[in-house]
N, C-alpha and C. Protein backbone atom coordinates (compact mmCIF):
# COMPACT_ATOMS: atom_id res chain seq x y z
N GLY A 1 2.20 -11.56 -12.23
CA GLY A 1 2.50 -12.45 -11.12
C GLY A 1 3.08 -11.69 -9.94
N ASP A 2 3.67 -12.42 -9.05
CA ASP A 2 4.21 -11.82 -7.84
C ASP A 2 5.55 -11.17 -8.10
N GLY A 3 5.74 -10.02 -7.53
CA GLY A 3 7.02 -9.33 -7.62
C GLY A 3 7.58 -9.18 -6.22
N PRO A 4 8.56 -8.31 -6.08
CA PRO A 4 9.20 -8.09 -4.78
C PRO A 4 8.27 -7.46 -3.75
N ALA A 5 7.23 -6.75 -4.21
CA ALA A 5 6.28 -6.16 -3.27
C ALA A 5 5.27 -7.22 -2.89
N LYS A 6 5.09 -7.43 -1.58
CA LYS A 6 4.22 -8.52 -1.19
C LYS A 6 2.92 -8.01 -0.59
N GLU A 7 1.82 -8.70 -0.91
CA GLU A 7 0.52 -8.33 -0.37
C GLU A 7 0.43 -8.74 1.09
N VAL A 8 -0.03 -7.82 1.92
CA VAL A 8 -0.12 -8.11 3.36
C VAL A 8 -1.55 -7.92 3.88
N SER A 9 -1.86 -8.68 4.93
CA SER A 9 -3.15 -8.58 5.60
C SER A 9 -3.07 -7.46 6.64
N GLU A 10 -4.19 -7.16 7.28
CA GLU A 10 -4.21 -6.13 8.32
C GLU A 10 -3.26 -6.49 9.46
N ALA A 11 -3.26 -7.77 9.85
CA ALA A 11 -2.39 -8.22 10.95
C ALA A 11 -0.92 -8.04 10.57
N GLU A 12 -0.58 -8.41 9.35
CA GLU A 12 0.81 -8.26 8.88
C GLU A 12 1.19 -6.79 8.80
N PHE A 13 0.27 -5.97 8.31
CA PHE A 13 0.51 -4.53 8.22
C PHE A 13 0.84 -3.98 9.60
N LYS A 14 0.03 -4.37 10.59
CA LYS A 14 0.24 -3.87 11.95
C LYS A 14 1.60 -4.29 12.48
N ARG A 15 2.00 -5.52 12.17
CA ARG A 15 3.27 -6.02 12.66
C ARG A 15 4.44 -5.38 11.91
N LEU A 16 4.36 -5.35 10.59
CA LEU A 16 5.49 -4.92 9.77
C LEU A 16 5.62 -3.41 9.61
N VAL A 17 4.47 -2.73 9.51
CA VAL A 17 4.50 -1.30 9.20
C VAL A 17 4.21 -0.45 10.43
N ALA A 18 3.06 -0.69 11.07
CA ALA A 18 2.70 0.09 12.25
C ALA A 18 3.66 -0.23 13.39
N GLY A 19 4.31 -1.38 13.31
CA GLY A 19 5.28 -1.80 14.31
C GLY A 19 6.56 -0.97 14.29
N GLY A 20 6.68 -0.08 13.33
CA GLY A 20 7.82 0.84 13.34
C GLY A 20 8.82 0.70 12.23
N GLY A 21 8.65 -0.32 11.39
CA GLY A 21 9.60 -0.49 10.29
C GLY A 21 9.35 0.53 9.19
N ALA A 22 10.41 0.89 8.48
CA ALA A 22 10.24 1.78 7.32
C ALA A 22 9.74 0.92 6.16
N ALA A 23 8.77 1.42 5.43
CA ALA A 23 8.20 0.67 4.31
C ALA A 23 7.43 1.59 3.39
N VAL A 24 7.19 1.11 2.18
CA VAL A 24 6.34 1.83 1.24
C VAL A 24 5.14 0.93 0.98
N VAL A 25 3.95 1.49 1.10
CA VAL A 25 2.73 0.69 0.98
C VAL A 25 1.82 1.25 -0.11
N MET A 26 1.34 0.35 -0.96
CA MET A 26 0.31 0.75 -1.93
C MET A 26 -1.03 0.17 -1.50
N PHE A 27 -1.99 1.05 -1.26
CA PHE A 27 -3.36 0.63 -0.97
C PHE A 27 -4.07 0.57 -2.31
N PHE A 28 -4.65 -0.59 -2.62
CA PHE A 28 -5.27 -0.78 -3.93
C PHE A 28 -6.57 -1.56 -3.80
N ALA A 29 -7.30 -1.69 -4.90
CA ALA A 29 -8.47 -2.56 -4.96
C ALA A 29 -8.46 -3.25 -6.32
N PRO A 30 -8.91 -4.50 -6.34
CA PRO A 30 -8.89 -5.28 -7.57
C PRO A 30 -9.68 -4.64 -8.71
N TRP A 31 -10.73 -3.89 -8.38
CA TRP A 31 -11.58 -3.28 -9.41
C TRP A 31 -11.04 -1.94 -9.91
N CYS A 32 -9.97 -1.48 -9.30
CA CYS A 32 -9.43 -0.16 -9.63
C CYS A 32 -8.44 -0.24 -10.79
N GLY A 33 -8.86 0.26 -11.94
CA GLY A 33 -8.03 0.20 -13.14
C GLY A 33 -6.70 0.91 -12.98
N HIS A 34 -6.73 2.06 -12.30
CA HIS A 34 -5.50 2.83 -12.09
C HIS A 34 -4.51 2.04 -11.22
N CYS A 35 -5.04 1.27 -10.29
CA CYS A 35 -4.19 0.46 -9.42
C CYS A 35 -3.47 -0.60 -10.24
N GLU A 36 -4.23 -1.26 -11.11
CA GLU A 36 -3.64 -2.31 -11.94
C GLU A 36 -2.56 -1.73 -12.84
N LYS A 37 -2.79 -0.51 -13.34
CA LYS A 37 -1.80 0.14 -14.19
C LYS A 37 -0.57 0.55 -13.39
N ALA A 38 -0.77 0.91 -12.12
CA ALA A 38 0.33 1.41 -11.29
C ALA A 38 1.18 0.29 -10.70
N LYS A 39 0.59 -0.92 -10.61
CA LYS A 39 1.29 -2.03 -9.95
C LYS A 39 2.65 -2.39 -10.55
N PRO A 40 2.76 -2.51 -11.88
CA PRO A 40 4.08 -2.87 -12.44
C PRO A 40 5.18 -1.89 -12.05
N ALA A 41 4.87 -0.60 -12.06
CA ALA A 41 5.86 0.42 -11.69
C ALA A 41 6.21 0.30 -10.21
N PHE A 42 5.19 -0.01 -9.40
CA PHE A 42 5.40 -0.19 -7.97
C PHE A 42 6.31 -1.40 -7.72
N GLN A 43 6.05 -2.49 -8.42
CA GLN A 43 6.88 -3.69 -8.31
C GLN A 43 8.31 -3.39 -8.78
N GLN A 44 8.43 -2.61 -9.83
CA GLN A 44 9.74 -2.26 -10.36
C GLN A 44 10.53 -1.44 -9.34
N ALA A 45 9.85 -0.49 -8.72
CA ALA A 45 10.49 0.35 -7.69
C ALA A 45 10.90 -0.52 -6.50
N ALA A 46 10.06 -1.48 -6.17
CA ALA A 46 10.33 -2.37 -5.04
C ALA A 46 11.60 -3.19 -5.26
N ALA A 47 11.82 -3.57 -6.52
CA ALA A 47 12.96 -4.43 -6.85
C ALA A 47 14.29 -3.78 -6.50
N GLY A 48 14.39 -2.46 -6.68
CA GLY A 48 15.66 -1.81 -6.41
C GLY A 48 15.71 -1.08 -5.08
N ALA A 49 14.66 -1.23 -4.29
CA ALA A 49 14.56 -0.42 -3.07
C ALA A 49 15.26 -1.05 -1.88
N PRO A 50 15.84 -0.22 -1.01
CA PRO A 50 16.51 -0.72 0.19
C PRO A 50 15.51 -1.03 1.31
N LEU A 51 14.24 -0.69 1.11
CA LEU A 51 13.24 -0.98 2.14
C LEU A 51 12.10 -1.77 1.53
N PRO A 52 11.32 -2.46 2.37
CA PRO A 52 10.26 -3.31 1.82
C PRO A 52 9.08 -2.52 1.25
N PHE A 53 8.48 -3.07 0.21
CA PHE A 53 7.28 -2.51 -0.40
C PHE A 53 6.14 -3.51 -0.16
N TYR A 54 5.00 -3.02 0.28
CA TYR A 54 3.85 -3.90 0.55
C TYR A 54 2.62 -3.41 -0.19
N LEU A 55 1.72 -4.35 -0.46
CA LEU A 55 0.44 -4.04 -1.10
C LEU A 55 -0.68 -4.37 -0.12
N VAL A 56 -1.67 -3.48 -0.01
CA VAL A 56 -2.83 -3.73 0.84
C VAL A 56 -4.09 -3.67 -0.02
N ASP A 57 -4.82 -4.79 -0.08
CA ASP A 57 -6.08 -4.86 -0.81
C ASP A 57 -7.17 -4.24 0.07
N CYS A 58 -7.68 -3.08 -0.37
CA CYS A 58 -8.66 -2.35 0.44
C CYS A 58 -10.02 -3.03 0.49
N ASP A 59 -10.29 -3.93 -0.45
CA ASP A 59 -11.53 -4.69 -0.40
C ASP A 59 -11.49 -5.70 0.74
N LYS A 60 -10.33 -6.36 0.88
CA LYS A 60 -10.17 -7.37 1.93
C LYS A 60 -9.89 -6.72 3.29
N ASN A 61 -9.36 -5.51 3.26
CA ASN A 61 -8.94 -4.85 4.51
C ASN A 61 -9.57 -3.48 4.67
N ARG A 62 -10.91 -3.46 4.59
CA ARG A 62 -11.66 -2.21 4.65
C ARG A 62 -11.40 -1.42 5.92
N LYS A 63 -11.37 -2.15 7.04
CA LYS A 63 -11.17 -1.49 8.34
C LYS A 63 -9.83 -0.78 8.38
N LEU A 64 -8.82 -1.46 7.87
CA LEU A 64 -7.47 -0.90 7.85
C LEU A 64 -7.41 0.33 6.94
N ALA A 65 -8.01 0.23 5.75
CA ALA A 65 -8.02 1.35 4.81
C ALA A 65 -8.69 2.57 5.45
N LYS A 66 -9.78 2.32 6.17
CA LYS A 66 -10.49 3.40 6.86
C LYS A 66 -9.64 3.99 7.97
N ALA A 67 -9.03 3.10 8.75
CA ALA A 67 -8.20 3.54 9.88
C ALA A 67 -7.01 4.37 9.38
N GLU A 68 -6.51 4.01 8.19
CA GLU A 68 -5.36 4.72 7.63
C GLU A 68 -5.79 5.96 6.85
N GLY A 69 -7.10 6.18 6.76
CA GLY A 69 -7.61 7.37 6.07
C GLY A 69 -7.40 7.35 4.57
N VAL A 70 -7.43 6.15 3.98
CA VAL A 70 -7.24 6.04 2.54
C VAL A 70 -8.53 6.45 1.84
N GLU A 71 -8.44 7.45 0.95
CA GLU A 71 -9.63 7.92 0.26
C GLU A 71 -9.57 7.68 -1.24
N GLY A 72 -8.45 7.98 -1.85
CA GLY A 72 -8.30 7.75 -3.29
C GLY A 72 -7.47 6.51 -3.53
N LEU A 73 -7.73 5.85 -4.65
CA LEU A 73 -6.95 4.67 -4.99
C LEU A 73 -6.28 4.87 -6.35
N PRO A 74 -5.08 4.36 -6.55
CA PRO A 74 -4.26 3.79 -5.48
C PRO A 74 -3.64 4.89 -4.60
N THR A 75 -3.40 4.57 -3.35
CA THR A 75 -2.64 5.47 -2.47
C THR A 75 -1.33 4.79 -2.18
N VAL A 76 -0.24 5.48 -2.50
CA VAL A 76 1.09 4.96 -2.20
C VAL A 76 1.65 5.82 -1.09
N ARG A 77 2.03 5.18 0.00
CA ARG A 77 2.43 5.92 1.18
C ARG A 77 3.70 5.35 1.79
N ALA A 78 4.57 6.25 2.20
CA ALA A 78 5.80 5.83 2.88
C ALA A 78 5.57 5.90 4.38
N TYR A 79 6.07 4.90 5.08
CA TYR A 79 5.96 4.85 6.54
C TYR A 79 7.34 4.72 7.14
N ALA A 80 7.52 5.32 8.31
CA ALA A 80 8.75 5.12 9.09
C ALA A 80 8.38 5.35 10.55
N GLY A 81 8.91 4.51 11.41
CA GLY A 81 8.63 4.63 12.83
C GLY A 81 7.14 4.51 13.12
N GLY A 82 6.44 3.74 12.29
CA GLY A 82 5.02 3.51 12.52
C GLY A 82 4.12 4.66 12.07
N ARG A 83 4.72 5.70 11.48
CA ARG A 83 3.91 6.85 11.05
C ARG A 83 3.99 7.04 9.54
N ALA A 84 2.91 7.52 8.97
CA ALA A 84 2.87 7.82 7.54
C ALA A 84 3.64 9.10 7.29
N LEU A 85 4.49 9.09 6.27
CA LEU A 85 5.31 10.26 5.97
C LEU A 85 4.69 11.16 4.90
N GLY A 86 3.69 10.66 4.22
CA GLY A 86 3.09 11.44 3.14
C GLY A 86 2.66 10.49 2.06
N ASP A 87 1.74 10.89 1.24
CA ASP A 87 1.30 9.96 0.19
C ASP A 87 1.07 10.61 -1.14
N GLN A 88 0.99 9.71 -2.08
CA GLN A 88 0.74 10.00 -3.47
C GLN A 88 -0.64 9.42 -3.66
N GLU A 89 -1.65 10.29 -3.80
CA GLU A 89 -3.01 9.73 -3.86
C GLU A 89 -3.53 9.58 -5.26
N GLY A 90 -4.26 8.50 -5.46
CA GLY A 90 -4.82 8.21 -6.76
C GLY A 90 -6.12 8.96 -7.00
N VAL A 91 -6.78 8.61 -8.08
CA VAL A 91 -7.95 9.35 -8.51
C VAL A 91 -9.26 8.64 -8.24
N GLU A 92 -9.21 7.34 -8.01
CA GLU A 92 -10.47 6.62 -7.82
C GLU A 92 -10.84 6.61 -6.34
N GLY A 93 -12.02 7.13 -6.02
CA GLY A 93 -12.47 7.19 -4.63
C GLY A 93 -12.87 5.82 -4.13
N LEU A 94 -12.71 5.61 -2.84
CA LEU A 94 -13.19 4.38 -2.21
C LEU A 94 -14.70 4.51 -2.08
N PRO A 95 -15.45 3.48 -2.43
CA PRO A 95 -16.91 3.56 -2.35
C PRO A 95 -17.36 3.66 -0.90
């Protein structure tokens, strides 16, 4: 079910993350087994974190995933001041 990390649309991402707030974002896809396995740990990390954690469904937000240069799934990336600070890239390539 839903945890502290909330799924966001491209518009929400632009407002919340690209708008300059510090956040941790997981780019995932429903068909990605590694993403499903990684989600509980991501939700767990979100629960104790001082900053917001967001999930972006790359199937629903293809343009955003492309614009953000997401290649492997899941990609977990920290943002601050509207910029990506670095990522932890997964093993499943985006089709």
